[in-house]
Amino acid sequence: MDVTEKISLVSKPPTEEVVTQEELLELFKTNSKPKHYIGIEISGFLHLGSLISTGFKINDFVKAGVDCTVFLA
């Protein structure tokens, strides 16, 4: 997968913002396996919609070659 495909995967919805496209391009050019951390604070019942959308986004990151870590609080 080339860098532009990785950027489009990481940037597609439900992603709301990326610091800059240029920084993302530089990250994928210089790092073969960048790291991504996501933290989820579970208070009360976990909404199924949140779980599904987060899972799809993590899948996009993994397909793009990103090493994902999920923290549950």
C-alpha atoms as a PDB file:
ATOM      1  CA  MET A   1       0.000   0.000   0.000  1.00  0.00           C
ATOM      2  CA  ASP A   2       1.452   3.372  -0.939  1.00  0.00           C
ATOM      3  CA  VAL A   3       1.552   6.463   1.252  1.00  0.00           C
ATOM      4  CA  THR A   4      -1.441   8.193  -0.356  1.00  0.00           C
ATOM      5  CA  GLU A   5      -3.638   5.142   0.251  1.00  0.00           C
ATOM      6  CA  LYS A   6      -2.522   5.062   3.889  1.00  0.00           C
ATOM      7  CA  ILE A   7      -3.336   8.754   4.323  1.00  0.00           C
ATOM      8  CA  SER A   8      -6.795   8.337   2.791  1.00  0.00           C
ATOM      9  CA  LEU A   9      -7.530   5.369   5.097  1.00  0.00           C
ATOM     10  CA  VAL A  10      -6.417   7.233   8.222  1.00  0.00           C
ATOM     11  CA  SER A  11      -8.212  10.458   7.221  1.00  0.00           C
ATOM     12  CA  LYS A  12     -11.568   9.052   6.106  1.00  0.00           C
ATOM     13  CA  PRO A  13     -14.643   9.495   8.318  1.00  0.00           C
ATOM     14  CA  PRO A  14     -15.290   9.153  11.206  1.00  0.00           C
ATOM     15  CA  THR A  15     -11.885  10.877  11.611  1.00  0.00           C
ATOM     16  CA  GLU A  16     -12.681  14.468  12.530  1.00  0.00           C
ATOM     17  CA  GLU A  17      -9.264  16.071  12.272  1.00  0.00           C
ATOM     18  CA  VAL A  18      -5.658  15.443  11.342  1.00  0.00           C
ATOM     19  CA  VAL A  19      -2.989  17.857  12.587  1.00  0.00           C
ATOM     20  CA  THR A  20      -1.868  18.502   8.989  1.00  0.00           C
ATOM     21  CA  GLN A  21      -1.808  16.379   5.856  1.00  0.00           C
ATOM     22  CA  GLU A  22       1.868  17.288   5.415  1.00  0.00           C
ATOM     23  CA  GLU A  23       2.782  15.902   8.854  1.00  0.00           C
ATOM     24  CA  LEU A  24       0.849  12.728   8.130  1.00  0.00           C
ATOM     25  CA  LEU A  25       2.668  12.371   4.806  1.00  0.00           C
ATOM     26  CA  GLU A  26       6.046  12.871   6.499  1.00  0.00           C
ATOM     27  CA  LEU A  27       5.123  10.369   9.233  1.00  0.00           C
ATOM     28  CA  PHE A  28       4.328   7.612   6.745  1.00  0.00           C
ATOM     29  CA  LYS A  29       7.423   8.394   4.656  1.00  0.00           C
ATOM     30  CA  THR A  30       9.794   8.207   7.632  1.00  0.00           C
ATOM     31  CA  ASN A  31       8.178   5.572   9.854  1.00  0.00           C
ATOM     32  CA  SER A  32       7.213   2.146   8.537  1.00  0.00           C
ATOM     33  CA  LYS A  33       5.076   1.290  11.602  1.00  0.00           C
ATOM     34  CA  PRO A  34       3.895   4.448  13.433  1.00  0.00           C
ATOM     35  CA  LYS A  35       2.139   4.070  16.782  1.00  0.00           C
ATOM     36  CA  HIS A  36      -1.379   5.188  17.640  1.00  0.00           C
ATOM     37  CA  TYR A  37      -2.953   5.243  21.079  1.00  0.00           C
ATOM     38  CA  ILE A  38      -6.658   5.558  21.774  1.00  0.00           C
ATOM     39  CA  GLY A  39      -8.114   5.914  25.247  1.00  0.00           C
ATOM     40  CA  ILE A  40     -11.703   5.103  26.111  1.00  0.00           C
ATOM     41  CA  GLU A  41     -13.221   5.988  29.476  1.00  0.00           C
ATOM     42  CA  ILE A  42     -16.157   3.721  30.157  1.00  0.00           C
ATOM     43  CA  SER A  43     -18.640   5.288  32.551  1.00  0.00           C
ATOM     44  CA  GLY A  44     -21.977   3.574  32.654  1.00  0.00           C
ATOM     45  CA  PHE A  45     -23.141   1.476  29.754  1.00  0.00           C
ATOM     46  CA  LEU A  46     -20.966   1.283  26.651  1.00  0.00           C
ATOM     47  CA  HIS A  47     -22.948   2.363  23.596  1.00  0.00           C
ATOM     48  CA  LEU A  48     -22.812  -0.207  20.803  1.00  0.00           C
ATOM     49  CA  GLY A  49     -22.531   2.530  18.158  1.00  0.00           C
ATOM     50  CA  SER A  50     -19.402   3.920  19.789  1.00  0.00           C
ATOM     51  CA  LEU A  51     -17.858   0.474  19.919  1.00  0.00           C
ATOM     52  CA  ILE A  52     -18.595  -0.226  16.256  1.00  0.00           C
ATOM     53  CA  SER A  53     -17.348   3.128  14.917  1.00  0.00           C
ATOM     54  CA  THR A  54     -14.190   2.924  17.047  1.00  0.00           C
ATOM     55  CA  GLY A  55     -13.582  -0.626  15.846  1.00  0.00           C
ATOM     56  CA  PHE A  56     -13.904   0.387  12.196  1.00  0.00           C
ATOM     57  CA  LYS A  57     -11.475   3.273  12.714  1.00  0.00           C
ATOM     58  CA  ILE A  58      -8.934   1.050  14.474  1.00  0.00           C
ATOM     59  CA  ASN A  59      -9.253  -1.352  11.540  1.00  0.00           C
ATOM     60  CA  ASP A  60      -8.432   1.518   9.135  1.00  0.00           C
ATOM     61  CA  PHE A  61      -5.300   2.322  11.150  1.00  0.00           C
ATOM     62  CA  VAL A  62      -4.205  -1.331  11.189  1.00  0.00           C
ATOM     63  CA  LYS A  63      -4.751  -1.634   7.409  1.00  0.00           C
ATOM     64  CA  ALA A  64      -2.562   1.467   6.982  1.00  0.00           C
ATOM     65  CA  GLY A  65       0.244  -0.239   8.918  1.00  0.00           C
ATOM     66  CA  VAL A  66      -0.195   1.650  12.179  1.00  0.00           C
ATOM     67  CA  ASP A  67       0.493  -0.120  15.489  1.00  0.00           C
ATOM     68  CA  CYS A  68      -2.638   0.571  17.587  1.00  0.00           C
ATOM     69  CA  THR A  69      -2.952   0.361  21.355  1.00  0.00           C
ATOM     70  CA  VAL A  70      -6.301   0.762  23.122  1.00  0.00           C
ATOM     71  CA  PHE A  71      -6.474   1.875  26.751  1.00  0.00           C
ATOM     72  CA  LEU A  72      -9.678   1.282  28.701  1.00  0.00           C
ATOM     73  CA  ALA A  73     -10.214   3.357  31.834  1.00  0.00           C
END
